[in-house]
Amino acid sequence: MKKAALLHNPTAGDNDFSKKQLIKLIEGEGFGCAYASVKEEGWDQFEDDTDFLAIAGGDGTVRRVAKALMKRKLLDKQFPLALLPHGTANNIACALGIDGEAQSIIQRWHHYHLKPMDVGKVHGLRDDLFFLEGLGLGIFPKLMKEMGKVPPEHLGETVPEKLNVARNVLCDLVSKYEAKPCTIIADGTEHTGNFLMVEVLNIRSIGPNLVLAANADPGDGEFEVVLVTEDHRKRFQSFLQSHIDGEVHDFNFTTIHAKHVKIMTDWKDLHVDDERIKIEAPVDIEIEILPGMLNFIITE
């Protein structure tokens, strides 16, 4: 019998699964199950007889578990990750092709392969900064700031409502956001301009399920650097509006493939995954890719 360590965020998404329900589903498929809430102390003390970690939560929970794994010593046992997505956006699960009802996902754990996932390592800000989804400057850190001001009662009740609130706020921001100069050096090639958005992505989508790099492979050993300039403002607005209207239009973003990225800017803030970081002075940010740092359980 394979044993799972169930790492549960009970406050994620629509809170659609309780501890009891999740354990019942996993044990019902013949897996052993040790439960821990990521909201409680000691959740990251994994037993040696654990075969894999099952993460029930959203993107933030996946990142939290990844951080705990990357702090382990090289000779410590490493664990593959199985996702039970029930956050709001679930961008990481979408990038890995993991969807469906929890029971269906768990049933497929009997037959799986491992998918490696790269990690982005950030230099120039502070120690221990990394990302699974992406690092970005411009409009997305601004969106995070503005969403923090939205009263909880205005965020919507369901996941689709919450996503659309964020998309509406973002669309409004794009109409008035001031493009700013930035220099990006991707694998030695310089790119300059006035940008609304610079995103160094490891996966295909960020934020409220916006697909910015449709062909991104999180395990291919390189980033997708997405650039949106002042010249693309109206097209970007149209792209966002199509998401709001439920009729998604393609947008051919300027995309650069690179293993090493340097960003020189005097922008005041940025985001690393779902964390917004304030920058007090102009910085040179360097980003390197760490190939195959994590392994995810993928089913057909």
C-alpha atoms as a PDB file:
ATOM      1  CA  MET A   1       0.000   0.000   0.000  1.00  0.00           C
ATOM      2  CA  LYS A   2       1.372   3.398  -0.981  1.00  0.00           C
ATOM      3  CA  LYS A   3       1.143   6.058   1.697  1.00  0.00           C
ATOM      4  CA  ALA A   4       0.221   9.681   1.048  1.00  0.00           C
ATOM      5  CA  ALA A   5       0.887  12.627   3.308  1.00  0.00           C
ATOM      6  CA  LEU A   6      -2.183  14.811   2.772  1.00  0.00           C
ATOM      7  CA  LEU A   7      -1.296  18.506   3.092  1.00  0.00           C
ATOM      8  CA  HIS A   8      -4.539  20.442   3.265  1.00  0.00           C
ATOM      9  CA  ASN A   9      -5.315  24.147   3.133  1.00  0.00           C
ATOM     10  CA  PRO A  10      -8.814  24.223   4.657  1.00  0.00           C
ATOM     11  CA  THR A  11      -9.366  27.862   3.641  1.00  0.00           C
ATOM     12  CA  ALA A  12      -8.512  27.517  -0.076  1.00  0.00           C
ATOM     13  CA  GLY A  13     -11.012  28.262  -2.843  1.00  0.00           C
ATOM     14  CA  ASP A  14     -14.614  27.470  -2.039  1.00  0.00           C
ATOM     15  CA  ASN A  15     -13.678  25.235   0.935  1.00  0.00           C
ATOM     16  CA  ASP A  16     -15.311  22.390  -0.949  1.00  0.00           C
ATOM     17  CA  PHE A  17     -13.619  19.521   0.916  1.00  0.00           C
ATOM     18  CA  SER A  18     -13.238  18.848   4.603  1.00  0.00           C
ATOM     19  CA  LYS A  19     -10.452  16.885   6.257  1.00  0.00           C
ATOM     20  CA  LYS A  20     -12.800  13.957   6.776  1.00  0.00           C
ATOM     21  CA  GLN A  21     -13.989  13.892   3.155  1.00  0.00           C
ATOM     22  CA  LEU A  22     -10.475  14.026   1.718  1.00  0.00           C
ATOM     23  CA  ILE A  23      -9.155  11.242   3.940  1.00  0.00           C
ATOM     24  CA  LYS A  24     -12.174   9.105   3.065  1.00  0.00           C
ATOM     25  CA  LEU A  25     -11.598   9.579  -0.686  1.00  0.00           C
ATOM     26  CA  ILE A  26      -7.882   8.747  -0.476  1.00  0.00           C
ATOM     27  CA  GLU A  27      -8.241   5.745   1.824  1.00  0.00           C
ATOM     28  CA  GLY A  28     -11.213   4.565  -0.244  1.00  0.00           C
ATOM     29  CA  GLU A  29      -8.822   4.073  -3.157  1.00  0.00           C
ATOM     30  CA  GLY A  30      -6.513   1.910  -1.069  1.00  0.00           C
ATOM     31  CA  PHE A  31      -3.875   4.487  -0.155  1.00  0.00           C
ATOM     32  CA  GLY A  32      -2.608   5.075   3.342  1.00  0.00           C
ATOM     33  CA  CYS A  33      -3.191   8.667   4.439  1.00  0.00           C
ATOM     34  CA  ALA A  34      -1.525  10.841   7.070  1.00  0.00           C
ATOM     35  CA  TYR A  35      -3.229  14.235   7.411  1.00  0.00           C
ATOM     36  CA  ALA A  36      -1.743  17.650   8.161  1.00  0.00           C
ATOM     37  CA  SER A  37      -3.226  21.127   7.834  1.00  0.00           C
ATOM     38  CA  VAL A  38      -0.734  23.623   6.384  1.00  0.00           C
ATOM     39  CA  LYS A  39      -2.256  26.145   8.790  1.00  0.00           C
ATOM     40  CA  GLU A  40      -0.815  24.252  11.771  1.00  0.00           C
ATOM     41  CA  GLU A  41       2.721  23.885  13.127  1.00  0.00           C
ATOM     42  CA  GLY A  42       4.700  20.800  12.136  1.00  0.00           C
ATOM     43  CA  TRP A  43       2.884  20.113   8.875  1.00  0.00           C
ATOM     44  CA  ASP A  44       6.225  19.817   7.035  1.00  0.00           C
ATOM     45  CA  GLN A  45       7.616  17.017   9.218  1.00  0.00           C
ATOM     46  CA  PHE A  46       7.176  14.168   6.732  1.00  0.00           C
ATOM     47  CA  GLU A  47       7.484  10.561   7.840  1.00  0.00           C
ATOM     48  CA  ASP A  48      10.097   8.428   6.071  1.00  0.00           C
ATOM     49  CA  ASP A  49       7.554   5.808   4.993  1.00  0.00           C
ATOM     50  CA  THR A  50       5.621   8.445   3.002  1.00  0.00           C
ATOM     51  CA  ASP A  51       5.517   7.669  -0.732  1.00  0.00           C
ATOM     52  CA  PHE A  52       4.142  10.978  -1.995  1.00  0.00           C
ATOM     53  CA  LEU A  53       2.678  14.282  -0.845  1.00  0.00           C
ATOM     54  CA  ALA A  54      -0.931  15.050  -1.775  1.00  0.00           C
ATOM     55  CA  ILE A  55      -1.588  18.804  -1.805  1.00  0.00           C
ATOM     56  CA  ALA A  56      -5.208  19.883  -1.394  1.00  0.00           C
ATOM     57  CA  GLY A  57      -5.225  23.620  -1.985  1.00  0.00           C
ATOM     58  CA  GLY A  58      -4.368  26.320  -4.473  1.00  0.00           C
ATOM     59  CA  ASP A  59      -1.217  27.767  -6.002  1.00  0.00           C
ATOM     60  CA  GLY A  60      -0.088  29.367  -2.759  1.00  0.00           C
ATOM     61  CA  THR A  61      -0.266  26.024  -0.964  1.00  0.00           C
ATOM     62  CA  VAL A  62       1.756  24.317  -3.714  1.00  0.00           C
ATOM     63  CA  ARG A  63       4.417  27.023  -3.403  1.00  0.00           C
ATOM     64  CA  ARG A  64       4.515  26.631   0.377  1.00  0.00           C
ATOM     65  CA  VAL A  65       5.100  22.884   0.085  1.00  0.00           C
ATOM     66  CA  ALA A  66       7.723  23.428  -2.626  1.00  0.00           C
ATOM     67  CA  LYS A  67       9.593  25.801  -0.324  1.00  0.00           C
ATOM     68  CA  ALA A  68       9.640  23.178   2.424  1.00  0.00           C
ATOM     69  CA  LEU A  69      10.966  20.542   0.019  1.00  0.00           C
ATOM     70  CA  MET A  70      13.718  22.767  -1.335  1.00  0.00           C
ATOM     71  CA  LYS A  71      14.987  23.364   2.203  1.00  0.00           C
ATOM     72  CA  ARG A  72      15.589  19.642   2.655  1.00  0.00           C
ATOM     73  CA  LYS A  73      19.136  18.358   2.466  1.00  0.00           C
ATOM     74  CA  LEU A  74      20.368  16.702  -0.715  1.00  0.00           C
ATOM     75  CA  LEU A  75      20.510  13.282   0.926  1.00  0.00           C
ATOM     76  CA  ASP A  76      17.055  13.567   2.529  1.00  0.00           C
ATOM     77  CA  LYS A  77      14.241  11.615   0.939  1.00  0.00           C
ATOM     78  CA  GLN A  78      12.525  13.572  -1.805  1.00  0.00           C
ATOM     79  CA  PHE A  79       8.797  13.233  -2.418  1.00  0.00           C
ATOM     80  CA  PRO A  80       6.746  13.505  -5.610  1.00  0.00           C
ATOM     81  CA  LEU A  81       3.727  15.804  -5.441  1.00  0.00           C
ATOM     82  CA  ALA A  82       0.124  14.937  -6.266  1.00  0.00           C
ATOM     83  CA  LEU A  83      -2.310  17.832  -6.634  1.00  0.00           C
ATOM     84  CA  LEU A  84      -5.942  18.041  -5.591  1.00  0.00           C
ATOM     85  CA  PRO A  85      -6.612  21.577  -6.830  1.00  0.00           C
ATOM     86  CA  HIS A  86      -9.269  23.548  -5.016  1.00  0.00           C
ATOM     87  CA  GLY A  87      -7.861  27.037  -4.862  1.00  0.00           C
ATOM     88  CA  THR A  88      -9.189  29.983  -6.834  1.00  0.00           C
ATOM     89  CA  ALA A  89      -6.996  30.110  -9.949  1.00  0.00           C
ATOM     90  CA  ASN A  90      -5.081  26.792  -9.745  1.00  0.00           C
ATOM     91  CA  ASN A  91      -2.640  27.970 -12.404  1.00  0.00           C
ATOM     92  CA  ILE A  92      -0.029  25.338 -11.513  1.00  0.00           C
ATOM     93  CA  ALA A  93      -2.498  22.473 -11.760  1.00  0.00           C
ATOM     94  CA  CYS A  94      -3.740  23.835 -15.097  1.00  0.00           C
ATOM     95  CA  ALA A  95      -0.162  24.013 -16.395  1.00  0.00           C
ATOM     96  CA  LEU A  96       0.304  20.352 -15.512  1.00  0.00           C
ATOM     97  CA  GLY A  97      -3.016  19.276 -17.008  1.00  0.00           C
ATOM     98  CA  ILE A  98      -4.491  18.265 -13.651  1.00  0.00           C
ATOM     99  CA  ASP A  99      -8.232  18.866 -13.451  1.00  0.00           C
ATOM    100  CA  GLY A 100     -11.514  17.168 -12.681  1.00  0.00           C
ATOM    101  CA  GLU A 101     -13.243  16.085  -9.511  1.00  0.00           C
ATOM    102  CA  ALA A 102     -11.084  15.040  -6.564  1.00  0.00           C
ATOM    103  CA  GLN A 103     -12.375  11.472  -6.565  1.00  0.00           C
ATOM    104  CA  SER A 104     -11.544  11.040 -10.255  1.00  0.00           C
ATOM    105  CA  ILE A 105      -8.039  12.458  -9.764  1.00  0.00           C
ATOM    106  CA  ILE A 106      -7.354  10.149  -6.811  1.00  0.00           C
ATOM    107  CA  GLN A 107      -8.542   7.102  -8.747  1.00  0.00           C
ATOM    108  CA  ARG A 108      -5.956   7.884 -11.432  1.00  0.00           C
ATOM    109  CA  TRP A 109      -3.086   7.927  -8.929  1.00  0.00           C
ATOM    110  CA  HIS A 110      -2.772   4.146  -9.397  1.00  0.00           C
ATOM    111  CA  HIS A 111      -1.336   4.718 -12.887  1.00  0.00           C
ATOM    112  CA  TYR A 112       0.906   7.730 -13.254  1.00  0.00           C
ATOM    113  CA  HIS A 113       4.204   9.120 -14.508  1.00  0.00           C
ATOM    114  CA  LEU A 114       6.357  11.838 -12.992  1.00  0.00           C
ATOM    115  CA  LYS A 115       6.580  15.268 -14.583  1.00  0.00           C
ATOM    116  CA  PRO A 116       9.612  17.370 -13.605  1.00  0.00           C
ATOM    117  CA  MET A 117       9.045  21.050 -12.877  1.00  0.00           C
ATOM    118  CA  ASP A 118      11.658  23.781 -13.019  1.00  0.00           C
ATOM    119  CA  VAL A 119      12.041  26.490 -10.388  1.00  0.00           C
ATOM    120  CA  GLY A 120      13.083  30.110 -10.944  1.00  0.00           C
ATOM    121  CA  LYS A 121      15.784  31.377  -8.580  1.00  0.00           C
ATOM    122  CA  VAL A 122      15.889  35.160  -8.003  1.00  0.00           C
ATOM    123  CA  HIS A 123      19.039  37.133  -7.177  1.00  0.00           C
ATOM    124  CA  GLY A 124      19.350  40.804  -6.279  1.00  0.00           C
ATOM    125  CA  LEU A 125      16.372  41.223  -3.953  1.00  0.00           C
ATOM    126  CA  ARG A 126      16.821  39.071  -0.865  1.00  0.00           C
ATOM    127  CA  ASP A 127      17.783  35.526   0.017  1.00  0.00           C
ATOM    128  CA  ASP A 128      15.610  32.493  -0.654  1.00  0.00           C
ATOM    129  CA  LEU A 129      13.380  34.003  -3.314  1.00  0.00           C
ATOM    130  CA  PHE A 130      12.118  31.550  -5.903  1.00  0.00           C
ATOM    131  CA  PHE A 131       9.076  31.069  -8.088  1.00  0.00           C
ATOM    132  CA  LEU A 132       7.039  28.280  -9.628  1.00  0.00           C
ATOM    133  CA  GLU A 133       4.684  30.455 -11.667  1.00  0.00           C
ATOM    134  CA  GLY A 134       6.510  33.659 -12.509  1.00  0.00           C
ATOM    135  CA  LEU A 135       8.150  36.936 -11.609  1.00  0.00           C
ATOM    136  CA  GLY A 136       6.781  40.143 -13.040  1.00  0.00           C
ATOM    137  CA  LEU A 137       6.836  43.922 -13.038  1.00  0.00           C
ATOM    138  CA  GLY A 138       4.225  46.446 -14.077  1.00  0.00           C
ATOM    139  CA  ILE A 139       0.525  45.800 -14.226  1.00  0.00           C
ATOM    140  CA  PHE A 140       0.305  42.568 -12.180  1.00  0.00           C
ATOM    141  CA  PRO A 141       1.914  43.860  -8.969  1.00  0.00           C
ATOM    142  CA  LYS A 142      -0.434  46.836  -9.343  1.00  0.00           C
ATOM    143  CA  LEU A 143      -3.384  44.433  -9.638  1.00  0.00           C
ATOM    144  CA  MET A 144      -2.332  42.708  -6.419  1.00  0.00           C
ATOM    145  CA  LYS A 145      -2.244  46.044  -4.627  1.00  0.00           C
ATOM    146  CA  GLU A 146      -5.674  47.068  -5.927  1.00  0.00           C
ATOM    147  CA  MET A 147      -7.269  43.691  -5.144  1.00  0.00           C
ATOM    148  CA  GLY A 148      -6.129  44.127  -1.552  1.00  0.00           C
ATOM    149  CA  LYS A 149      -8.400  47.182  -1.367  1.00  0.00           C
ATOM    150  CA  VAL A 150     -11.548  45.402  -2.616  1.00  0.00           C
ATOM    151  CA  PRO A 151     -13.974  44.742   0.273  1.00  0.00           C
ATOM    152  CA  PRO A 152     -14.505  40.989   0.854  1.00  0.00           C
ATOM    153  CA  GLU A 153     -18.216  41.308   0.168  1.00  0.00           C
ATOM    154  CA  HIS A 154     -17.420  42.598  -3.339  1.00  0.00           C
ATOM    155  CA  LEU A 155     -15.151  39.695  -4.311  1.00  0.00           C
ATOM    156  CA  GLY A 156     -17.982  37.331  -5.209  1.00  0.00           C
ATOM    157  CA  GLU A 157     -19.149  34.046  -3.753  1.00  0.00           C
ATOM    158  CA  THR A 158     -17.904  31.503  -6.291  1.00  0.00           C
ATOM    159  CA  VAL A 159     -14.515  30.937  -7.931  1.00  0.00           C
ATOM    160  CA  PRO A 160     -15.713  32.177 -11.368  1.00  0.00           C
ATOM    161  CA  GLU A 161     -17.084  35.343  -9.750  1.00  0.00           C
ATOM    162  CA  LYS A 162     -13.808  35.978  -7.916  1.00  0.00           C
ATOM    163  CA  LEU A 163     -11.782  35.512 -11.103  1.00  0.00           C
ATOM    164  CA  ASN A 164     -13.993  37.907 -13.032  1.00  0.00           C
ATOM    165  CA  VAL A 165     -13.734  40.580 -10.338  1.00  0.00           C
ATOM    166  CA  ALA A 166      -9.932  40.438 -10.694  1.00  0.00           C
ATOM    167  CA  ARG A 167     -10.165  40.552 -14.491  1.00  0.00           C
ATOM    168  CA  ASN A 168     -12.402  43.607 -14.382  1.00  0.00           C
ATOM    169  CA  VAL A 169     -10.021  45.401 -12.026  1.00  0.00           C
ATOM    170  CA  LEU A 170      -7.094  44.495 -14.281  1.00  0.00           C
ATOM    171  CA  CYS A 171      -8.867  45.685 -17.430  1.00  0.00           C
ATOM    172  CA  ASP A 172      -9.573  49.033 -15.793  1.00  0.00           C
ATOM    173  CA  LEU A 173      -5.953  49.337 -14.658  1.00  0.00           C
ATOM    174  CA  VAL A 174      -4.591  48.693 -18.148  1.00  0.00           C
ATOM    175  CA  SER A 175      -6.590  51.622 -19.506  1.00  0.00           C
ATOM    176  CA  LYS A 176      -4.722  54.099 -17.313  1.00  0.00           C
ATOM    177  CA  TYR A 177      -1.477  52.413 -16.226  1.00  0.00           C
ATOM    178  CA  GLU A 178       1.625  54.384 -17.194  1.00  0.00           C
ATOM    179  CA  ALA A 179       4.083  52.344 -19.258  1.00  0.00           C
ATOM    180  CA  LYS A 180       7.617  52.527 -17.886  1.00  0.00           C
ATOM    181  CA  PRO A 181      11.101  51.984 -19.315  1.00  0.00           C
ATOM    182  CA  CYS A 182      12.878  48.742 -18.622  1.00  0.00           C
ATOM    183  CA  THR A 183      15.836  46.793 -19.959  1.00  0.00           C
ATOM    184  CA  ILE A 184      15.714  43.004 -20.143  1.00  0.00           C
ATOM    185  CA  ILE A 185      18.730  40.898 -21.047  1.00  0.00           C
ATOM    186  CA  ALA A 186      17.645  37.372 -21.934  1.00  0.00           C
ATOM    187  CA  ASP A 187      20.490  34.923 -22.534  1.00  0.00           C
ATOM    188  CA  GLY A 188      22.736  37.818 -23.481  1.00  0.00           C
ATOM    189  CA  THR A 189      20.322  39.596 -25.855  1.00  0.00           C
ATOM    190  CA  GLU A 190      19.084  43.043 -24.794  1.00  0.00           C
ATOM    191  CA  HIS A 191      15.467  44.162 -25.101  1.00  0.00           C
ATOM    192  CA  THR A 192      14.422  47.701 -24.174  1.00  0.00           C
ATOM    193  CA  GLY A 193      11.189  49.654 -24.335  1.00  0.00           C
ATOM    194  CA  ASN A 194       8.295  51.197 -22.439  1.00  0.00           C
ATOM    195  CA  PHE A 195       6.350  48.330 -20.933  1.00  0.00           C
ATOM    196  CA  LEU A 196       2.974  47.819 -19.302  1.00  0.00           C
ATOM    197  CA  MET A 197       4.042  44.363 -18.232  1.00  0.00           C
ATOM    198  CA  VAL A 198       7.164  42.218 -18.050  1.00  0.00           C
ATOM    199  CA  GLU A 199       6.594  38.636 -16.934  1.00  0.00           C
ATOM    200  CA  VAL A 200       9.223  35.917 -16.595  1.00  0.00           C
ATOM    201  CA  LEU A 201       7.039  32.809 -16.648  1.00  0.00           C
ATOM    202  CA  ASN A 202       7.598  29.170 -15.794  1.00  0.00           C
ATOM    203  CA  ILE A 203       4.000  28.180 -16.599  1.00  0.00           C
ATOM    204  CA  ARG A 204       1.380  29.232 -19.130  1.00  0.00           C
ATOM    205  CA  SER A 205      -0.901  31.399 -16.976  1.00  0.00           C
ATOM    206  CA  ILE A 206      -0.820  33.760 -14.007  1.00  0.00           C
ATOM    207  CA  GLY A 207      -3.255  35.712 -11.862  1.00  0.00           C
ATOM    208  CA  PRO A 208      -6.928  35.190 -12.646  1.00  0.00           C
ATOM    209  CA  ASN A 209      -6.300  32.348 -15.121  1.00  0.00           C
ATOM    210  CA  LEU A 210      -4.868  34.570 -17.866  1.00  0.00           C
ATOM    211  CA  VAL A 211      -2.950  32.498 -20.401  1.00  0.00           C
ATOM    212  CA  LEU A 212       0.069  34.589 -21.373  1.00  0.00           C
ATOM    213  CA  ALA A 213       2.346  31.828 -22.685  1.00  0.00           C
ATOM    214  CA  ALA A 214       0.154  29.103 -24.143  1.00  0.00           C
ATOM    215  CA  ASN A 215       3.064  26.872 -25.153  1.00  0.00           C
ATOM    216  CA  ALA A 216       5.019  27.111 -21.903  1.00  0.00           C
ATOM    217  CA  ASP A 217       6.311  23.805 -20.537  1.00  0.00           C
ATOM    218  CA  PRO A 218       7.185  24.016 -16.816  1.00  0.00           C
ATOM    219  CA  GLY A 219       9.789  21.290 -17.206  1.00  0.00           C
ATOM    220  CA  ASP A 220      11.632  22.320 -20.373  1.00  0.00           C
ATOM    221  CA  GLY A 221      14.526  24.093 -18.683  1.00  0.00           C
ATOM    222  CA  GLU A 222      13.731  27.614 -19.877  1.00  0.00           C
ATOM    223  CA  PHE A 223      11.504  30.591 -19.127  1.00  0.00           C
ATOM    224  CA  GLU A 224       8.957  32.332 -21.315  1.00  0.00           C
ATOM    225  CA  VAL A 225       9.603  36.080 -21.006  1.00  0.00           C
ATOM    226  CA  VAL A 226       6.399  37.896 -21.972  1.00  0.00           C
ATOM    227  CA  LEU A 227       6.582  41.598 -22.864  1.00  0.00           C
ATOM    228  CA  VAL A 228       3.615  43.937 -23.344  1.00  0.00           C
ATOM    229  CA  THR A 229       4.545  47.416 -24.568  1.00  0.00           C
ATOM    230  CA  GLU A 230       2.654  50.699 -24.702  1.00  0.00           C
ATOM    231  CA  ASP A 231       1.907  49.955 -28.374  1.00  0.00           C
ATOM    232  CA  HIS A 232      -0.055  46.848 -27.346  1.00  0.00           C
ATOM    233  CA  ARG A 233      -2.262  48.547 -24.749  1.00  0.00           C
ATOM    234  CA  LYS A 234      -5.532  48.427 -26.722  1.00  0.00           C
ATOM    235  CA  ARG A 235      -4.953  44.851 -27.892  1.00  0.00           C
ATOM    236  CA  PHE A 236      -4.211  43.809 -24.326  1.00  0.00           C
ATOM    237  CA  GLN A 237      -7.432  45.468 -23.139  1.00  0.00           C
ATOM    238  CA  SER A 238      -9.357  43.596 -25.810  1.00  0.00           C
ATOM    239  CA  PHE A 239      -7.757  40.337 -24.704  1.00  0.00           C
ATOM    240  CA  LEU A 240      -8.780  40.970 -21.084  1.00  0.00           C
ATOM    241  CA  GLN A 241     -12.311  41.968 -22.060  1.00  0.00           C
ATOM    242  CA  SER A 242     -12.699  38.728 -23.994  1.00  0.00           C
ATOM    243  CA  HIS A 243     -11.915  36.795 -20.797  1.00  0.00           C
ATOM    244  CA  ILE A 244     -14.520  38.812 -18.915  1.00  0.00           C
ATOM    245  CA  ASP A 245     -17.092  38.140 -21.634  1.00  0.00           C
ATOM    246  CA  GLY A 246     -16.280  34.427 -21.743  1.00  0.00           C
ATOM    247  CA  GLU A 247     -15.171  34.587 -25.374  1.00  0.00           C
ATOM    248  CA  VAL A 248     -11.394  34.380 -25.119  1.00  0.00           C
ATOM    249  CA  HIS A 249      -9.504  35.902 -28.045  1.00  0.00           C
ATOM    250  CA  ASP A 250      -5.925  34.947 -28.841  1.00  0.00           C
ATOM    251  CA  PHE A 251      -3.255  37.545 -28.184  1.00  0.00           C
ATOM    252  CA  ASN A 252       0.197  37.037 -29.659  1.00  0.00           C
ATOM    253  CA  PHE A 253       2.392  38.343 -26.873  1.00  0.00           C
ATOM    254  CA  THR A 254       6.021  39.141 -27.570  1.00  0.00           C
ATOM    255  CA  THR A 255       7.657  36.093 -25.995  1.00  0.00           C
ATOM    256  CA  ILE A 256      11.344  35.317 -25.512  1.00  0.00           C
ATOM    257  CA  HIS A 257      12.718  31.934 -24.470  1.00  0.00           C
ATOM    258  CA  ALA A 258      15.644  32.117 -22.054  1.00  0.00           C
ATOM    259  CA  LYS A 259      17.458  30.257 -19.273  1.00  0.00           C
ATOM    260  CA  HIS A 260      18.964  33.363 -17.668  1.00  0.00           C
ATOM    261  CA  VAL A 261      17.255  36.747 -17.419  1.00  0.00           C
ATOM    262  CA  LYS A 262      18.502  40.070 -16.090  1.00  0.00           C
ATOM    263  CA  ILE A 263      16.104  42.978 -15.507  1.00  0.00           C
ATOM    264  CA  MET A 264      17.276  46.548 -14.941  1.00  0.00           C
ATOM    265  CA  THR A 265      14.534  48.920 -13.857  1.00  0.00           C
ATOM    266  CA  ASP A 266      13.476  51.596 -11.382  1.00  0.00           C
ATOM    267  CA  TRP A 267       9.942  50.215 -11.013  1.00  0.00           C
ATOM    268  CA  LYS A 268       8.884  50.335  -7.383  1.00  0.00           C
ATOM    269  CA  ASP A 269       7.365  46.908  -6.984  1.00  0.00           C
ATOM    270  CA  LEU A 270       7.162  43.469  -8.498  1.00  0.00           C
ATOM    271  CA  HIS A 271       5.608  40.104  -7.780  1.00  0.00           C
ATOM    272  CA  VAL A 272       7.176  36.703  -7.206  1.00  0.00           C
ATOM    273  CA  ASP A 273       4.327  34.212  -7.657  1.00  0.00           C
ATOM    274  CA  ASP A 274       1.564  35.571  -5.392  1.00  0.00           C
ATOM    275  CA  GLU A 275       3.861  37.723  -3.246  1.00  0.00           C
ATOM    276  CA  ARG A 276       4.058  41.457  -3.961  1.00  0.00           C
ATOM    277  CA  ILE A 277       7.465  42.954  -3.161  1.00  0.00           C
ATOM    278  CA  LYS A 278       8.185  46.641  -2.710  1.00  0.00           C
ATOM    279  CA  ILE A 279      11.475  47.909  -4.184  1.00  0.00           C
ATOM    280  CA  GLU A 280      13.014  50.889  -2.420  1.00  0.00           C
ATOM    281  CA  ALA A 281      15.734  51.703  -5.000  1.00  0.00           C
ATOM    282  CA  PRO A 282      16.626  50.791  -8.595  1.00  0.00           C
ATOM    283  CA  VAL A 283      17.850  47.197  -8.750  1.00  0.00           C
ATOM    284  CA  ASP A 284      19.357  44.708 -11.140  1.00  0.00           C
ATOM    285  CA  ILE A 285      17.409  41.477 -10.836  1.00  0.00           C
ATOM    286  CA  GLU A 286      18.909  38.245 -12.108  1.00  0.00           C
ATOM    287  CA  ILE A 287      16.862  35.108 -12.592  1.00  0.00           C
ATOM    288  CA  GLU A 288      18.242  31.655 -13.256  1.00  0.00           C
ATOM    289  CA  ILE A 289      16.388  28.453 -13.934  1.00  0.00           C
ATOM    290  CA  LEU A 290      16.865  25.409 -11.726  1.00  0.00           C
ATOM    291  CA  PRO A 291      15.801  22.492 -13.928  1.00  0.00           C
ATOM    292  CA  GLY A 292      13.640  19.664 -12.629  1.00  0.00           C
ATOM    293  CA  MET A 293      13.703  20.643  -8.959  1.00  0.00           C
ATOM    294  CA  LEU A 294      10.253  19.163  -8.282  1.00  0.00           C
ATOM    295  CA  ASN A 295       8.395  16.112  -9.545  1.00  0.00           C
ATOM    296  CA  PHE A 296       4.625  16.006  -9.946  1.00  0.00           C
ATOM    297  CA  ILE A 297       2.395  12.961 -10.294  1.00  0.00           C
ATOM    298  CA  ILE A 298       0.677  13.155 -13.681  1.00  0.00           C
ATOM    299  CA  THR A 299      -2.057  10.783 -14.839  1.00  0.00           C
ATOM    300  CA  GLU A 300      -3.469  10.122 -18.274  1.00  0.00           C
END
